[in-house]
């Protein structure tokens, strides 16, 4: 393959930045990478397609794309010469500005301008939406995006993260048979025996009082004087109120039934 047969690529930038980056930070990083002043960097964000690097081999183009992506710039790789530099689209001037300043404005034009200035903001927005082209009418952006086949790795080249192999020494590890205790006897926790001296302790005989005389609480006897109180003889009444005798039954000898 000759030098002319090698496919070449361009790095295209349209002023977009990667999610998670701030525009001032991206501009500052691009100024450091390209060693350009603020005016040239601001021109890159005007909205037109700008080839940052041209006629690069694929590996070099991917390297530039990775570096610019880390800086926050959303760049694409296109075939060399396929995307040319385009200036940003200029908005058409309004009808009012197209009126010649030397020609006096008519009364009808002046009233129409005054009416547009007095319209609510919502009406102005609705008119602006109606004047904008639909999604189907917009010109599609030139891009080099393609769909990868099913199962193919989407990260290629420098984007692929390769984890370094770790060499783990397992020469001292072994497996025991699936039986018995897996912990050695010396690995088991052992509680040290505690010696308790019971010199002053003993067991009493069955039925003995567990308290000695000197251990009992001594209650002093109280002398209670009750001179007006005595005991009644056995069987005597203790002051109950006697019941009234039952009345005699009535005499019913003179009563007869017819």
Protein backbone atom coordinates (compact mmCIF):
# COMPACT_ATOMS: atom_id res chain seq x y z
CA UNK A 1 0.00 0.00 0.00
CA UNK A 2 1.44 3.34 -1.05
CA UNK A 3 1.32 6.54 0.99
CA UNK A 4 -1.53 7.84 -1.15
CA UNK A 5 -3.65 4.73 -0.49
CA UNK A 6 -3.69 5.27 3.31
CA UNK A 7 -7.06 6.79 4.33
CA UNK A 8 -6.75 10.17 6.01
CA UNK A 9 -9.12 11.89 8.38
CA UNK A 10 -9.95 15.37 9.69
CA UNK A 11 -10.90 16.47 13.22
CA UNK A 12 -14.14 18.49 12.94
CA UNK A 13 -15.41 20.83 15.68
CA UNK A 14 -18.81 22.56 15.63
CA UNK A 15 -18.62 24.41 18.93
CA UNK A 16 -20.26 21.73 21.09
CA UNK A 17 -18.91 20.70 24.50
CA UNK A 18 -19.11 17.41 26.39
CA UNK A 19 -21.69 16.96 29.18
CA UNK A 20 -20.32 17.81 32.61
CA UNK A 21 -17.96 20.53 31.34
CA UNK A 22 -18.31 24.31 31.61
CA UNK A 23 -17.83 26.52 28.56
CA UNK A 24 -15.23 28.89 30.15
CA UNK A 25 -13.16 25.90 31.31
CA UNK A 26 -13.28 24.27 27.85
CA UNK A 27 -12.18 27.51 26.17
CA UNK A 28 -9.30 27.86 28.60
CA UNK A 29 -8.10 24.29 27.97
CA UNK A 30 -8.34 24.69 24.18
CA UNK A 31 -6.35 27.92 24.40
CA UNK A 32 -3.60 26.03 26.24
CA UNK A 33 -3.64 23.13 23.75
CA UNK A 34 -3.54 25.28 20.58
CA UNK A 35 -1.60 28.16 22.17
CA UNK A 36 -4.12 30.61 20.68
CA UNK A 37 -5.51 33.89 21.94
CA UNK A 38 -9.04 34.45 23.20
CA UNK A 39 -10.34 35.85 19.88
CA UNK A 40 -9.35 32.74 17.92
CA UNK A 41 -10.80 30.41 20.53
CA UNK A 42 -14.12 32.30 20.56
CA UNK A 43 -14.29 31.94 16.78
CA UNK A 44 -14.33 28.15 17.19
CA UNK A 45 -17.62 28.41 19.14
CA UNK A 46 -19.43 30.55 16.55
CA UNK A 47 -21.42 27.54 15.33
CA UNK A 48 -19.73 26.66 12.05
CA UNK A 49 -17.85 23.46 11.21
CA UNK A 50 -14.11 23.98 11.75
CA UNK A 51 -11.45 21.36 10.82
CA UNK A 52 -9.03 21.53 13.77
CA UNK A 53 -6.59 19.01 12.26
CA UNK A 54 -6.44 17.74 8.67
CA UNK A 55 -5.02 14.74 6.82
CA UNK A 56 -4.35 12.53 9.84
CA UNK A 57 -4.05 8.78 9.91
CA UNK A 58 -6.72 6.96 11.86
CA UNK A 59 -4.57 6.29 14.95
CA UNK A 60 -3.42 9.91 15.11
CA UNK A 61 -6.99 11.15 14.59
CA UNK A 62 -8.25 8.99 17.43
CA UNK A 63 -5.46 10.28 19.66
CA UNK A 64 -6.38 13.91 18.92
CA UNK A 65 -10.05 13.12 19.50
CA UNK A 66 -9.29 11.57 22.91
CA UNK A 67 -7.21 14.56 24.01
CA UNK A 68 -9.83 17.10 22.88
CA UNK A 69 -12.62 15.07 24.50
CA UNK A 70 -10.76 15.14 27.82
CA UNK A 71 -10.59 18.92 27.44
CA UNK A 72 -14.38 18.98 27.02
CA UNK A 73 -14.64 19.61 23.27
CA UNK A 74 -17.13 17.41 21.36
CA UNK A 75 -15.23 16.66 18.13
CA UNK A 76 -15.88 14.16 15.33
CA UNK A 77 -13.62 12.29 12.94
CA UNK A 78 -14.51 12.70 9.25
CA UNK A 79 -12.87 11.62 6.04
CA UNK A 80 -10.27 14.09 4.88
CA UNK A 81 -11.83 16.84 2.76
CA UNK A 82 -15.41 15.62 3.28
CA UNK A 83 -16.36 18.44 5.67
CA UNK A 84 -15.13 21.87 4.71
CA UNK A 85 -15.02 24.91 6.95
CA UNK A 86 -18.39 26.67 7.07
CA UNK A 87 -19.11 30.04 8.58
CA UNK A 88 -22.00 30.29 11.04
CA UNK A 89 -25.37 31.07 9.54
CA UNK A 90 -26.37 34.68 9.88
CA UNK A 91 -29.91 35.48 10.88
CA UNK A 92 -31.83 37.43 8.24
CA UNK A 93 -32.46 41.03 9.10
CA UNK A 94 -36.00 41.96 10.12
CA UNK A 95 -38.33 43.69 7.75
CA UNK A 96 -38.12 46.89 9.75
CA UNK A 97 -34.32 47.02 9.38
CA UNK A 98 -34.64 46.46 5.62
CA UNK A 99 -36.49 49.71 5.25
CA UNK A 100 -34.19 52.34 3.88
CA UNK A 101 -33.35 54.93 6.55
CA UNK A 102 -33.44 57.70 3.99
CA UNK A 103 -37.01 56.84 2.99
CA UNK A 104 -39.59 58.06 5.52
CA UNK A 105 -41.69 55.28 7.10
CA UNK A 106 -45.33 55.30 6.09
CA UNK A 107 -48.12 55.63 8.62
CA UNK A 108 -49.20 52.02 8.01
CA UNK A 109 -45.68 50.68 8.57
CA UNK A 110 -45.26 52.80 11.70
CA UNK A 111 -48.56 51.46 13.17
CA UNK A 112 -47.58 47.87 12.35
CA UNK A 113 -44.21 48.31 14.07
CA UNK A 114 -45.86 49.86 17.15
CA UNK A 115 -48.34 46.97 17.32
CA UNK A 116 -45.53 44.39 17.21
CA UNK A 117 -43.65 46.17 20.00
CA UNK A 118 -46.77 46.17 22.19
CA UNK A 119 -47.54 42.46 21.69
CA UNK A 120 -47.19 40.21 24.77
CA UNK A 121 -44.09 38.05 25.07
CA UNK A 122 -46.11 34.83 24.61
CA UNK A 123 -47.44 36.02 21.22
CA UNK A 124 -43.91 36.92 20.09
CA UNK A 125 -42.66 33.46 21.06
CA UNK A 126 -45.52 31.71 19.23
CA UNK A 127 -44.76 33.72 16.07
CA UNK A 128 -41.09 32.86 16.38
CA UNK A 129 -41.92 29.14 16.66
CA UNK A 130 -44.18 29.33 13.60
CA UNK A 131 -41.45 31.04 11.59
CA UNK A 132 -38.82 28.43 12.47
CA UNK A 133 -38.54 25.44 10.09
CA UNK A 134 -39.83 22.07 11.27
CA UNK A 135 -37.54 19.22 12.19
CA UNK A 136 -38.12 17.53 8.83
CA UNK A 137 -37.27 20.77 6.98
CA UNK A 138 -34.00 21.35 8.80
CA UNK A 139 -30.83 20.39 7.03
CA UNK A 140 -29.28 17.34 8.70
CA UNK A 141 -25.82 17.80 10.16
CA UNK A 142 -23.03 16.06 8.32
CA UNK A 143 -21.73 13.32 10.55
CA UNK A 144 -19.63 10.20 10.38
CA UNK A 145 -21.61 8.22 12.96
CA UNK A 146 -22.37 4.60 12.10
CA UNK A 147 -23.93 1.62 13.89
CA UNK A 148 -21.59 -1.09 15.09
CA UNK A 149 -22.57 -4.76 14.56
CA UNK A 150 -24.26 -6.58 17.41
CA UNK A 151 -21.73 -7.93 19.90
CA UNK A 152 -18.83 -5.75 18.79
CA UNK A 153 -16.87 -3.80 21.40
CA UNK A 154 -17.85 -0.11 21.23
CA UNK A 155 -14.60 1.06 22.81
CA UNK A 156 -11.58 0.80 20.55
CA UNK A 157 -8.00 1.92 20.70
CA UNK A 158 -7.06 4.22 23.56
CA UNK A 159 -10.64 4.31 24.87
CA UNK A 160 -10.49 0.66 25.90
CA UNK A 161 -9.55 0.29 29.53
CA UNK A 162 -7.24 -2.67 30.11
CA UNK A 163 -6.97 -3.83 33.70
CA UNK A 164 -3.43 -4.99 34.58
CA UNK A 165 -3.13 -8.65 35.52
CA UNK A 166 -2.54 -9.29 39.22
CA UNK A 167 -0.32 -12.20 40.20
CA UNK A 168 -1.66 -13.68 43.45
CA UNK A 169 0.51 -16.23 45.27
CA UNK A 170 -1.74 -19.14 46.32
CA UNK A 171 1.02 -21.69 46.87
CA UNK A 172 0.39 -21.78 50.63
CA UNK A 173 -3.36 -22.29 50.28
CA UNK A 174 -4.92 -25.75 50.36
CA UNK A 175 -8.33 -27.36 50.68
CA UNK A 176 -9.27 -29.76 53.50
CA UNK A 177 -11.53 -32.77 53.03
CA UNK A 178 -15.22 -32.11 53.46
CA UNK A 179 -15.39 -33.70 56.89
CA UNK A 180 -14.65 -32.92 60.50
CA UNK A 181 -13.87 -29.52 61.96
CA UNK A 182 -12.21 -27.04 59.61
CA UNK A 183 -10.56 -25.24 62.55
CA UNK A 184 -7.55 -26.71 64.33
CA UNK A 185 -7.67 -27.31 68.07
CA UNK A 186 -5.09 -24.60 68.72
CA UNK A 187 -7.21 -22.15 66.73
CA UNK A 188 -10.27 -22.66 68.96
CA UNK A 189 -10.75 -20.18 71.84
CA UNK A 190 -9.98 -21.66 75.26
CA UNK A 191 -11.25 -20.14 78.51
CA UNK A 192 -8.76 -20.42 81.35
CA UNK A 193 -10.00 -22.22 84.47
CA UNK A 194 -10.56 -20.00 87.51
CA UNK A 195 -9.67 -21.39 90.94
CA UNK A 196 -12.18 -20.46 93.65
CA UNK A 197 -11.17 -21.02 97.30
CA UNK A 198 -14.11 -22.21 99.52
CA UNK A 199 -12.30 -22.61 102.85
CA UNK A 200 -15.01 -20.97 105.02
CA UNK A 201 -17.91 -22.68 103.30
CA UNK A 202 -19.61 -25.97 104.11
CA UNK A 203 -22.91 -27.86 103.75
CA UNK A 204 -25.42 -28.12 106.64
CA UNK A 205 -27.20 -31.33 107.49
CA UNK A 206 -30.64 -31.94 106.09
CA UNK A 207 -33.22 -30.19 108.31
CA UNK A 208 -30.78 -27.87 110.07
CA UNK A 209 -31.58 -24.20 110.46
CA UNK A 210 -29.54 -22.21 108.00
CA UNK A 211 -29.31 -19.25 110.40
CA UNK A 212 -27.33 -19.38 113.58
CA UNK A 213 -28.59 -17.69 116.73
CA UNK A 214 -26.21 -14.81 116.34
CA UNK A 215 -27.43 -14.32 112.73
CA UNK A 216 -31.09 -13.98 113.68
CA UNK A 217 -32.69 -10.60 114.13
CA UNK A 218 -33.54 -10.14 117.79
CA UNK A 219 -36.96 -8.53 118.40
CA UNK A 220 -37.42 -7.02 121.82
CA UNK A 221 -40.66 -8.07 123.60
CA UNK A 222 -43.14 -5.28 124.23
CA UNK A 223 -45.05 -5.07 127.52
CA UNK A 224 -48.65 -4.10 126.70
CA UNK A 225 -50.89 -3.24 129.62
CA UNK A 226 -54.60 -4.17 129.16
CA UNK A 227 -56.18 -3.84 132.71
CA UNK A 228 -59.82 -3.49 131.47
CA UNK A 229 -59.73 -6.44 129.10
CA UNK A 230 -60.38 -10.06 130.09
CA UNK A 231 -61.46 -13.30 128.47
CA UNK A 232 -65.10 -14.47 128.60
CA UNK A 233 -65.83 -18.07 129.59
CA UNK A 234 -66.23 -20.59 126.85
CA UNK A 235 -69.77 -20.57 125.35
CA UNK A 236 -70.81 -17.21 126.80
CA UNK A 237 -72.30 -14.55 124.58
CA UNK A 238 -69.86 -11.88 123.50
CA UNK A 239 -72.38 -9.06 123.48
CA UNK A 240 -74.59 -10.04 120.54
CA UNK A 241 -78.06 -8.45 120.36
CA UNK A 242 -80.65 -11.15 121.27
CA UNK A 243 -83.23 -11.97 118.62
CA UNK A 244 -86.98 -11.31 119.32
CA UNK A 245 -89.04 -14.50 119.83
CA UNK A 246 -91.16 -15.61 116.89
CA UNK A 247 -94.91 -14.72 117.20
CA UNK A 248 -97.44 -17.50 117.93
CA UNK A 249 -99.38 -18.81 114.90
CA UNK A 250 -102.97 -17.41 114.56
CA UNK A 251 -106.03 -19.45 115.68
CA UNK A 252 -107.82 -20.82 112.59
CA UNK A 253 -110.26 -23.18 114.36
CA UNK A 254 -113.31 -20.99 113.57
CA UNK A 255 -112.50 -20.84 109.87
CA UNK A 256 -114.14 -23.33 107.52
CA UNK A 257 -114.48 -23.75 103.80
CA UNK A 258 -117.90 -23.84 102.16
